[in-house]
Amino acid sequence: MIVRYLGKGSPMTLKHGKLYRVDGIEKGWYRIVDESGEDYLYPPDEFEVVKKITNPFL
């Protein structure tokens, strides 16, 4: 799925308003490759879903 970051994180991690691809969901949190180039888990309440993908795992 594609989500838009709505939080106010550090510019080194996530940028406000930027679209990110969710690579997985673990215990309800989104796995996203951030601005550092590494993937981390982020809480979904800081994002809005822009596009859902018909993948049962995402």
PDB file of N, CA and C in Angstrom:
ATOM      1  N   MET A   1       0.846  -1.168   0.000  1.00  0.00           N
ATOM      2  CA  MET A   1       0.000   0.000   0.000  1.00  0.00           C
ATOM      3  C   MET A   1       0.893   1.232   0.000  1.00  0.00           C
ATOM      4  N   ILE A   2       0.310   2.339  -0.409  1.00  0.00           N
ATOM      5  CA  ILE A   2       1.021   3.609  -0.424  1.00  0.00           C
ATOM      6  C   ILE A   2       0.387   4.496   0.642  1.00  0.00           C
ATOM      7  N   VAL A   3       1.240   5.116   1.468  1.00  0.00           N
ATOM      8  CA  VAL A   3       0.757   5.974   2.545  1.00  0.00           C
ATOM      9  C   VAL A   3       1.459   7.327   2.493  1.00  0.00           C
ATOM     10  N   ARG A   4       0.810   8.335   3.062  1.00  0.00           N
ATOM     11  CA  ARG A   4       1.396   9.671   3.170  1.00  0.00           C
ATOM     12  C   ARG A   4       1.703   9.921   4.637  1.00  0.00           C
ATOM     13  N   TYR A   5       2.930  10.374   4.906  1.00  0.00           N
ATOM     14  CA  TYR A   5       3.339  10.656   6.279  1.00  0.00           C
ATOM     15  C   TYR A   5       2.756  11.989   6.728  1.00  0.00           C
ATOM     16  N   LEU A   6       2.054  11.976   7.851  1.00  0.00           N
ATOM     17  CA  LEU A   6       1.413  13.176   8.382  1.00  0.00           C
ATOM     18  C   LEU A   6       2.070  13.681   9.660  1.00  0.00           C
ATOM     19  N   GLY A   7       3.029  12.934  10.176  1.00  0.00           N
ATOM     20  CA  GLY A   7       3.683  13.314  11.422  1.00  0.00           C
ATOM     21  C   GLY A   7       4.721  14.400  11.219  1.00  0.00           C
ATOM     22  N   LYS A   8       5.455  14.679  12.270  1.00  0.00           N
ATOM     23  CA  LYS A   8       6.477  15.718  12.234  1.00  0.00           C
ATOM     24  C   LYS A   8       7.817  15.123  12.638  1.00  0.00           C
ATOM     25  N   GLY A   9       8.228  14.085  11.938  1.00  0.00           N
ATOM     26  CA  GLY A   9       9.483  13.418  12.250  1.00  0.00           C
ATOM     27  C   GLY A   9      10.692  14.217  11.810  1.00  0.00           C
ATOM     28  N   SER A  10      11.839  13.724  12.160  1.00  0.00           N
ATOM     29  CA  SER A  10      13.098  14.332  11.735  1.00  0.00           C
ATOM     30  C   SER A  10      13.261  14.171  10.232  1.00  0.00           C
ATOM     31  N   PRO A  11      13.815  15.174   9.538  1.00  0.00           N
ATOM     32  CA  PRO A  11      14.028  15.047   8.088  1.00  0.00           C
ATOM     33  C   PRO A  11      14.969  13.898   7.725  1.00  0.00           C
ATOM     34  N   MET A  12      15.690  13.370   8.695  1.00  0.00           N
ATOM     35  CA  MET A  12      16.584  12.237   8.443  1.00  0.00           C
ATOM     36  C   MET A  12      15.805  10.926   8.398  1.00  0.00           C
ATOM     37  N   THR A  13      14.562  10.930   8.880  1.00  0.00           N
ATOM     38  CA  THR A  13      13.788   9.688   8.899  1.00  0.00           C
ATOM     39  C   THR A  13      12.630   9.736   7.913  1.00  0.00           C
ATOM     40  N   LEU A  14      11.626  10.550   8.190  1.00  0.00           N
ATOM     41  CA  LEU A  14      10.457  10.667   7.316  1.00  0.00           C
ATOM     42  C   LEU A  14      10.156  12.139   7.069  1.00  0.00           C
ATOM     43  N   LYS A  15       9.652  12.440   5.880  1.00  0.00           N
ATOM     44  CA  LYS A  15       9.326  13.825   5.528  1.00  0.00           C
ATOM     45  C   LYS A  15       7.812  14.018   5.509  1.00  0.00           C
ATOM     46  N   HIS A  16       7.371  15.059   6.192  1.00  0.00           N
ATOM     47  CA  HIS A  16       5.942  15.372   6.270  1.00  0.00           C
ATOM     48  C   HIS A  16       5.360  15.535   4.868  1.00  0.00           C
ATOM     49  N   GLY A  17       4.260  14.832   4.606  1.00  0.00           N
ATOM     50  CA  GLY A  17       3.567  14.931   3.327  1.00  0.00           C
ATOM     51  C   GLY A  17       4.085  14.021   2.229  1.00  0.00           C
ATOM     52  N   LYS A  18       5.209  13.355   2.458  1.00  0.00           N
ATOM     53  CA  LYS A  18       5.795  12.490   1.432  1.00  0.00           C
ATOM     54  C   LYS A  18       5.080  11.143   1.388  1.00  0.00           C
ATOM     55  N   LEU A  19       5.014  10.566   0.179  1.00  0.00           N
ATOM     56  CA  LEU A  19       4.427   9.240   0.000  1.00  0.00           C
ATOM     57  C   LEU A  19       5.489   8.168   0.219  1.00  0.00           C
ATOM     58  N   TYR A  20       5.090   7.095   0.887  1.00  0.00           N
ATOM     59  CA  TYR A  20       5.978   5.963   1.145  1.00  0.00           C
ATOM     60  C   TYR A  20       5.243   4.669   0.831  1.00  0.00           C
ATOM     61  N   ARG A  21       5.992   3.658   0.401  1.00  0.00           N
ATOM     62  CA  ARG A  21       5.429   2.330   0.170  1.00  0.00           C
ATOM     63  C   ARG A  21       5.570   1.517   1.455  1.00  0.00           C
ATOM     64  N   VAL A  22       4.505   0.853   1.837  1.00  0.00           N
ATOM     65  CA  VAL A  22       4.534  -0.036   2.996  1.00  0.00           C
ATOM     66  C   VAL A  22       4.997  -1.401   2.502  1.00  0.00           C
ATOM     67  N   ASP A  23       6.137  -1.856   3.013  1.00  0.00           N
ATOM     68  CA  ASP A  23       6.704  -3.137   2.596  1.00  0.00           C
ATOM     69  C   ASP A  23       6.191  -4.303   3.424  1.00  0.00           C
ATOM     70  N   GLY A  24       5.529  -4.007   4.528  1.00  0.00           N
ATOM     71  CA  GLY A  24       4.973  -5.057   5.369  1.00  0.00           C
ATOM     72  C   GLY A  24       4.259  -4.446   6.557  1.00  0.00           C
ATOM     73  N   ILE A  25       3.475  -5.262   7.227  1.00  0.00           N
ATOM     74  CA  ILE A  25       2.794  -4.837   8.447  1.00  0.00           C
ATOM     75  C   ILE A  25       3.111  -5.871   9.515  1.00  0.00           C
ATOM     76  N   GLU A  26       3.669  -5.394  10.625  1.00  0.00           N
ATOM     77  CA  GLU A  26       4.055  -6.281  11.719  1.00  0.00           C
ATOM     78  C   GLU A  26       3.452  -5.762  13.016  1.00  0.00           C
ATOM     79  N   LYS A  27       2.612  -6.583  13.619  1.00  0.00           N
ATOM     80  CA  LYS A  27       1.916  -6.214  14.856  1.00  0.00           C
ATOM     81  C   LYS A  27       1.208  -4.876  14.705  1.00  0.00           C
ATOM     82  N   GLY A  28       0.670  -4.630  13.501  1.00  0.00           N
ATOM     83  CA  GLY A  28      -0.098  -3.425  13.246  1.00  0.00           C
ATOM     84  C   GLY A  28       0.718  -2.218  12.814  1.00  0.00           C
ATOM     85  N   TRP A  29       2.042  -2.313  12.851  1.00  0.00           N
ATOM     86  CA  TRP A  29       2.902  -1.196  12.458  1.00  0.00           C
ATOM     87  C   TRP A  29       3.372  -1.388  11.027  1.00  0.00           C
ATOM     88  N   TYR A  30       3.613  -0.267  10.326  1.00  0.00           N
ATOM     89  CA  TYR A  30       4.033  -0.292   8.927  1.00  0.00           C
ATOM     90  C   TYR A  30       5.554  -0.376   8.810  1.00  0.00           C
ATOM     91  N   ARG A  31       6.021  -1.297   7.978  1.00  0.00           N
ATOM     92  CA  ARG A  31       7.456  -1.373   7.670  1.00  0.00           C
ATOM     93  C   ARG A  31       7.694  -0.517   6.430  1.00  0.00           C
ATOM     94  N   ILE A  32       8.516   0.532   6.593  1.00  0.00           N
ATOM     95  CA  ILE A  32       8.751   1.529   5.550  1.00  0.00           C
ATOM     96  C   ILE A  32      10.241   1.817   5.453  1.00  0.00           C
ATOM     97  N   VAL A  33      10.731   1.951   4.226  1.00  0.00           N
ATOM     98  CA  VAL A  33      12.106   2.410   4.011  1.00  0.00           C
ATOM     99  C   VAL A  33      12.068   3.929   4.132  1.00  0.00           C
ATOM    100  N   ASP A  34      12.792   4.464   5.122  1.00  0.00           N
ATOM    101  CA  ASP A  34      12.752   5.902   5.362  1.00  0.00           C
ATOM    102  C   ASP A  34      13.871   6.635   4.618  1.00  0.00           C
ATOM    103  N   GLU A  35      14.088   7.890   4.955  1.00  0.00           N
ATOM    104  CA  GLU A  35      15.063   8.728   4.259  1.00  0.00           C
ATOM    105  C   GLU A  35      16.505   8.268   4.478  1.00  0.00           C
ATOM    106  N   SER A  36      16.742   7.455   5.491  1.00  0.00           N
ATOM    107  CA  SER A  36      18.089   6.927   5.734  1.00  0.00           C
ATOM    108  C   SER A  36      18.407   5.763   4.806  1.00  0.00           C
ATOM    109  N   GLY A  37      17.372   5.254   4.110  1.00  0.00           N
ATOM    110  CA  GLY A  37      17.559   4.106   3.231  1.00  0.00           C
ATOM    111  C   GLY A  37      17.365   2.774   3.932  1.00  0.00           C
ATOM    112  N   GLU A  38      17.074   2.817   5.219  1.00  0.00           N
ATOM    113  CA  GLU A  38      16.839   1.605   6.005  1.00  0.00           C
ATOM    114  C   GLU A  38      15.344   1.440   6.247  1.00  0.00           C
ATOM    115  N   ASP A  39      14.918   0.196   6.472  1.00  0.00           N
ATOM    116  CA  ASP A  39      13.504  -0.022   6.769  1.00  0.00           C
ATOM    117  C   ASP A  39      13.296  -0.133   8.274  1.00  0.00           C
ATOM    118  N   TYR A  40      12.225   0.510   8.736  1.00  0.00           N
ATOM    119  CA  TYR A  40      11.874   0.529  10.146  1.00  0.00           C
ATOM    120  C   TYR A  40      10.366   0.394  10.275  1.00  0.00           C
ATOM    121  N   LEU A  41       9.924   0.096  11.486  1.00  0.00           N
ATOM    122  CA  LEU A  41       8.491   0.024  11.770  1.00  0.00           C
ATOM    123  C   LEU A  41       8.010   1.373  12.296  1.00  0.00           C
ATOM    124  N   TYR A  42       6.852   1.801  11.773  1.00  0.00           N
ATOM    125  CA  TYR A  42       6.260   3.070  12.178  1.00  0.00           C
ATOM    126  C   TYR A  42       4.793   2.856  12.512  1.00  0.00           C
ATOM    127  N   PRO A  43       4.260   3.617  13.494  1.00  0.00           N
ATOM    128  CA  PRO A  43       2.851   3.470  13.864  1.00  0.00           C
ATOM    129  C   PRO A  43       1.939   4.001  12.763  1.00  0.00           C
ATOM    130  N   PRO A  44       0.875   3.294  12.443  1.00  0.00           N
ATOM    131  CA  PRO A  44      -0.001   3.686  11.340  1.00  0.00           C
ATOM    132  C   PRO A  44      -0.769   4.982  11.580  1.00  0.00           C
ATOM    133  N   ASP A  45      -0.907   5.401  12.834  1.00  0.00           N
ATOM    134  CA  ASP A  45      -1.677   6.620  13.094  1.00  0.00           C
ATOM    135  C   ASP A  45      -0.968   7.888  12.621  1.00  0.00           C
ATOM    136  N   GLU A  46       0.287   7.776  12.166  1.00  0.00           N
ATOM    137  CA  GLU A  46       1.008   8.927  11.630  1.00  0.00           C
ATOM    138  C   GLU A  46       0.914   9.007  10.106  1.00  0.00           C
ATOM    139  N   PHE A  47       0.075   8.154   9.499  1.00  0.00           N
ATOM    140  CA  PHE A  47      -0.028   8.077   8.041  1.00  0.00           C
ATOM    141  C   PHE A  47      -1.482   8.071   7.605  1.00  0.00           C
ATOM    142  N   GLU A  48      -1.711   8.463   6.344  1.00  0.00           N
ATOM    143  CA  GLU A  48      -3.006   8.246   5.715  1.00  0.00           C
ATOM    144  C   GLU A  48      -2.779   7.335   4.518  1.00  0.00           C
ATOM    145  N   VAL A  49      -3.679   6.403   4.321  1.00  0.00           N
ATOM    146  CA  VAL A  49      -3.570   5.479   3.195  1.00  0.00           C
ATOM    147  C   VAL A  49      -3.985   6.216   1.931  1.00  0.00           C
ATOM    148  N   VAL A  50      -3.105   6.197   0.929  1.00  0.00           N
ATOM    149  CA  VAL A  50      -3.366   6.851  -0.350  1.00  0.00           C
ATOM    150  C   VAL A  50      -3.855   5.832  -1.366  1.00  0.00           C
ATOM    151  N   LYS A  51      -3.248   4.640  -1.340  1.00  0.00           N
ATOM    152  CA  LYS A  51      -3.624   3.594  -2.287  1.00  0.00           C
ATOM    153  C   LYS A  51      -3.493   2.239  -1.609  1.00  0.00           C
ATOM    154  N   LYS A  52      -4.598   1.511  -1.618  1.00  0.00           N
ATOM    155  CA  LYS A  52      -4.567   0.144  -1.097  1.00  0.00           C
ATOM    156  C   LYS A  52      -4.216  -0.796  -2.230  1.00  0.00           C
ATOM    157  N   ILE A  53      -3.467  -1.815  -1.906  1.00  0.00           N
ATOM    158  CA  ILE A  53      -3.096  -2.843  -2.874  1.00  0.00           C
ATOM    159  C   ILE A  53      -3.795  -4.122  -2.446  1.00  0.00           C
ATOM    160  N   THR A  54      -4.305  -4.879  -3.394  1.00  0.00           N
ATOM    161  CA  THR A  54      -5.055  -6.092  -3.065  1.00  0.00           C
ATOM    162  C   THR A  54      -4.133  -7.249  -2.711  1.00  0.00           C
ATOM    163  N   ASN A  55      -3.252  -7.006  -1.774  1.00  0.00           N
ATOM    164  CA  ASN A  55      -2.345  -8.022  -1.259  1.00  0.00           C
ATOM    165  C   ASN A  55      -2.786  -8.293   0.178  1.00  0.00           C
ATOM    166  N   PRO A  56      -3.142  -9.530   0.524  1.00  0.00           N
ATOM    167  CA  PRO A  56      -3.655  -9.804   1.865  1.00  0.00           C
ATOM    168  C   PRO A  56      -2.658  -9.510   2.975  1.00  0.00           C
ATOM    169  N   PHE A  57      -1.379  -9.381   2.650  1.00  0.00           N
ATOM    170  CA  PHE A  57      -0.367  -9.114   3.664  1.00  0.00           C
ATOM    171  C   PHE A  57      -0.134  -7.626   3.853  1.00  0.00           C
ATOM    172  N   LEU A  58      -0.628  -6.777   2.925  1.00  0.00           N
ATOM    173  CA  LEU A  58      -0.449  -5.335   3.037  1.00  0.00           C
ATOM    174  C   LEU A  58      -1.803  -4.677   3.038  1.00  0.00           C
TER     175      LEU A  58
END
